[in-house]
Amino acid sequence: MNYFDKEVDARGLNCPLPILRAKKALSTMEAGQVVRVIATDPGSVKDFAAFARQTGNELVEQGQVEGEADTYEFYLRRKA
């Protein structure tokens, strides 16, 4: 996914900080907008899936950042 409205760089931060940064960013966004979160914590893959289920925000896409080992990206769409 190439389109997003806001980006949160959470590289080097461990759980729960990437989730907290994403939550803070989403709180300032309008329904339907997308935030991209970049994280290096391997646990963040599981954490963001759980966060999306619990909050109702949509985890649009997730995966490894191309060309960056151990770096993950998550795209969350703010719920309506």
C-alpha atoms as a PDB file:
ATOM      1  CA  MET A   1       0.000   0.000   0.000  1.00  0.00           C
ATOM      2  CA  ASN A   2       1.464   3.309  -1.014  1.00  0.00           C
ATOM      3  CA  TYR A   3      -1.217   5.662   0.236  1.00  0.00           C
ATOM      4  CA  PHE A   4      -1.415   6.821   3.839  1.00  0.00           C
ATOM      5  CA  ASP A   5      -2.383  10.025   5.631  1.00  0.00           C
ATOM      6  CA  LYS A   6       0.082   9.903   8.520  1.00  0.00           C
ATOM      7  CA  GLU A   7       3.240   7.981   9.369  1.00  0.00           C
ATOM      8  CA  VAL A   8       4.510   6.872  12.767  1.00  0.00           C
ATOM      9  CA  ASP A   9       8.150   5.791  13.055  1.00  0.00           C
ATOM     10  CA  ALA A  10       8.362   3.423  16.029  1.00  0.00           C
ATOM     11  CA  ARG A  11      11.694   1.818  15.100  1.00  0.00           C
ATOM     12  CA  GLY A  12      13.733   0.880  18.150  1.00  0.00           C
ATOM     13  CA  LEU A  13      10.705   0.951  20.470  1.00  0.00           C
ATOM     14  CA  ASN A  14       9.456  -2.149  22.244  1.00  0.00           C
ATOM     15  CA  CYS A  15       5.931  -3.182  23.141  1.00  0.00           C
ATOM     16  CA  PRO A  16       3.663  -1.448  24.000  1.00  0.00           C
ATOM     17  CA  LEU A  17       5.140   1.793  22.643  1.00  0.00           C
ATOM     18  CA  PRO A  18       4.491   1.157  18.901  1.00  0.00           C
ATOM     19  CA  ILE A  19       0.821   0.453  19.714  1.00  0.00           C
ATOM     20  CA  LEU A  20       0.554   3.519  21.932  1.00  0.00           C
ATOM     21  CA  ARG A  21       2.057   5.735  19.227  1.00  0.00           C
ATOM     22  CA  ALA A  22      -0.384   4.304  16.671  1.00  0.00           C
ATOM     23  CA  LYS A  23      -3.316   4.830  19.038  1.00  0.00           C
ATOM     24  CA  LYS A  24      -2.299   8.456  19.610  1.00  0.00           C
ATOM     25  CA  ALA A  25      -1.983   9.081  15.855  1.00  0.00           C
ATOM     26  CA  LEU A  26      -5.357   7.472  15.122  1.00  0.00           C
ATOM     27  CA  SER A  27      -7.025   9.656  17.747  1.00  0.00           C
ATOM     28  CA  THR A  28      -6.096  12.755  15.733  1.00  0.00           C
ATOM     29  CA  MET A  29      -7.334  11.360  12.415  1.00  0.00           C
ATOM     30  CA  GLU A  30     -10.706  11.277  10.699  1.00  0.00           C
ATOM     31  CA  ALA A  31     -12.695   8.128   9.959  1.00  0.00           C
ATOM     32  CA  GLY A  32     -11.327   6.288   6.933  1.00  0.00           C
ATOM     33  CA  GLN A  33      -7.864   7.825   7.097  1.00  0.00           C
ATOM     34  CA  VAL A  34      -4.843   5.513   7.116  1.00  0.00           C
ATOM     35  CA  VAL A  35      -1.779   5.574   9.348  1.00  0.00           C
ATOM     36  CA  ARG A  36       1.431   3.753   8.433  1.00  0.00           C
ATOM     37  CA  VAL A  37       3.446   2.490  11.393  1.00  0.00           C
ATOM     38  CA  ILE A  38       7.050   1.343  11.018  1.00  0.00           C
ATOM     39  CA  ALA A  39       8.372  -0.862  13.831  1.00  0.00           C
ATOM     40  CA  THR A  40      11.313  -3.133  14.573  1.00  0.00           C
ATOM     41  CA  ASP A  41       9.838  -5.061  17.506  1.00  0.00           C
ATOM     42  CA  PRO A  42       9.128  -8.607  16.224  1.00  0.00           C
ATOM     43  CA  GLY A  43       6.220  -8.851  18.683  1.00  0.00           C
ATOM     44  CA  SER A  44       4.510  -5.957  16.935  1.00  0.00           C
ATOM     45  CA  VAL A  45       3.165  -8.308  14.227  1.00  0.00           C
ATOM     46  CA  LYS A  46       0.989 -10.079  16.778  1.00  0.00           C
ATOM     47  CA  ASP A  47       0.325  -6.869  18.731  1.00  0.00           C
ATOM     48  CA  PHE A  48      -1.100  -4.914  15.788  1.00  0.00           C
ATOM     49  CA  ALA A  49      -3.430  -7.759  14.796  1.00  0.00           C
ATOM     50  CA  ALA A  50      -4.787  -7.852  18.352  1.00  0.00           C
ATOM     51  CA  PHE A  51      -4.999  -4.050  18.518  1.00  0.00           C
ATOM     52  CA  ALA A  52      -7.092  -3.936  15.336  1.00  0.00           C
ATOM     53  CA  ARG A  53      -9.474  -6.617  16.617  1.00  0.00           C
ATOM     54  CA  GLN A  54      -9.907  -4.908  19.991  1.00  0.00           C
ATOM     55  CA  THR A  55     -10.400  -1.369  18.689  1.00  0.00           C
ATOM     56  CA  GLY A  56     -12.341  -1.980  15.488  1.00  0.00           C
ATOM     57  CA  ASN A  57      -9.752  -0.169  13.380  1.00  0.00           C
ATOM     58  CA  GLU A  58      -8.947  -2.060  10.184  1.00  0.00           C
ATOM     59  CA  LEU A  59      -5.483  -3.563   9.710  1.00  0.00           C
ATOM     60  CA  VAL A  60      -5.393  -2.962   5.960  1.00  0.00           C
ATOM     61  CA  GLU A  61      -1.945  -4.403   5.333  1.00  0.00           C
ATOM     62  CA  GLN A  62       1.162  -5.530   7.171  1.00  0.00           C
ATOM     63  CA  GLY A  63       4.533  -6.926   6.197  1.00  0.00           C
ATOM     64  CA  GLN A  64       8.262  -6.417   6.188  1.00  0.00           C
ATOM     65  CA  VAL A  65       9.689  -3.177   4.839  1.00  0.00           C
ATOM     66  CA  GLU A  66      11.350  -3.983   1.533  1.00  0.00           C
ATOM     67  CA  GLY A  67      15.135  -3.954   1.828  1.00  0.00           C
ATOM     68  CA  GLU A  68      15.136  -3.529   5.612  1.00  0.00           C
ATOM     69  CA  ALA A  69      15.644  -6.710   7.605  1.00  0.00           C
ATOM     70  CA  ASP A  70      13.670  -6.911  10.849  1.00  0.00           C
ATOM     71  CA  THR A  71      11.599  -3.828  10.040  1.00  0.00           C
ATOM     72  CA  TYR A  72       7.830  -4.127   9.757  1.00  0.00           C
ATOM     73  CA  GLU A  73       5.116  -1.845   8.430  1.00  0.00           C
ATOM     74  CA  PHE A  74       1.456  -1.728   9.363  1.00  0.00           C
ATOM     75  CA  TYR A  75      -1.360   0.194   7.712  1.00  0.00           C
ATOM     76  CA  LEU A  76      -4.346   0.888   9.926  1.00  0.00           C
ATOM     77  CA  ARG A  77      -7.569   2.542   8.763  1.00  0.00           C
ATOM     78  CA  ARG A  78      -9.417   4.516  11.410  1.00  0.00           C
ATOM     79  CA  LYS A  79     -12.864   3.151  12.086  1.00  0.00           C
ATOM     80  CA  ALA A  80     -15.966   5.140  11.214  1.00  0.00           C
END
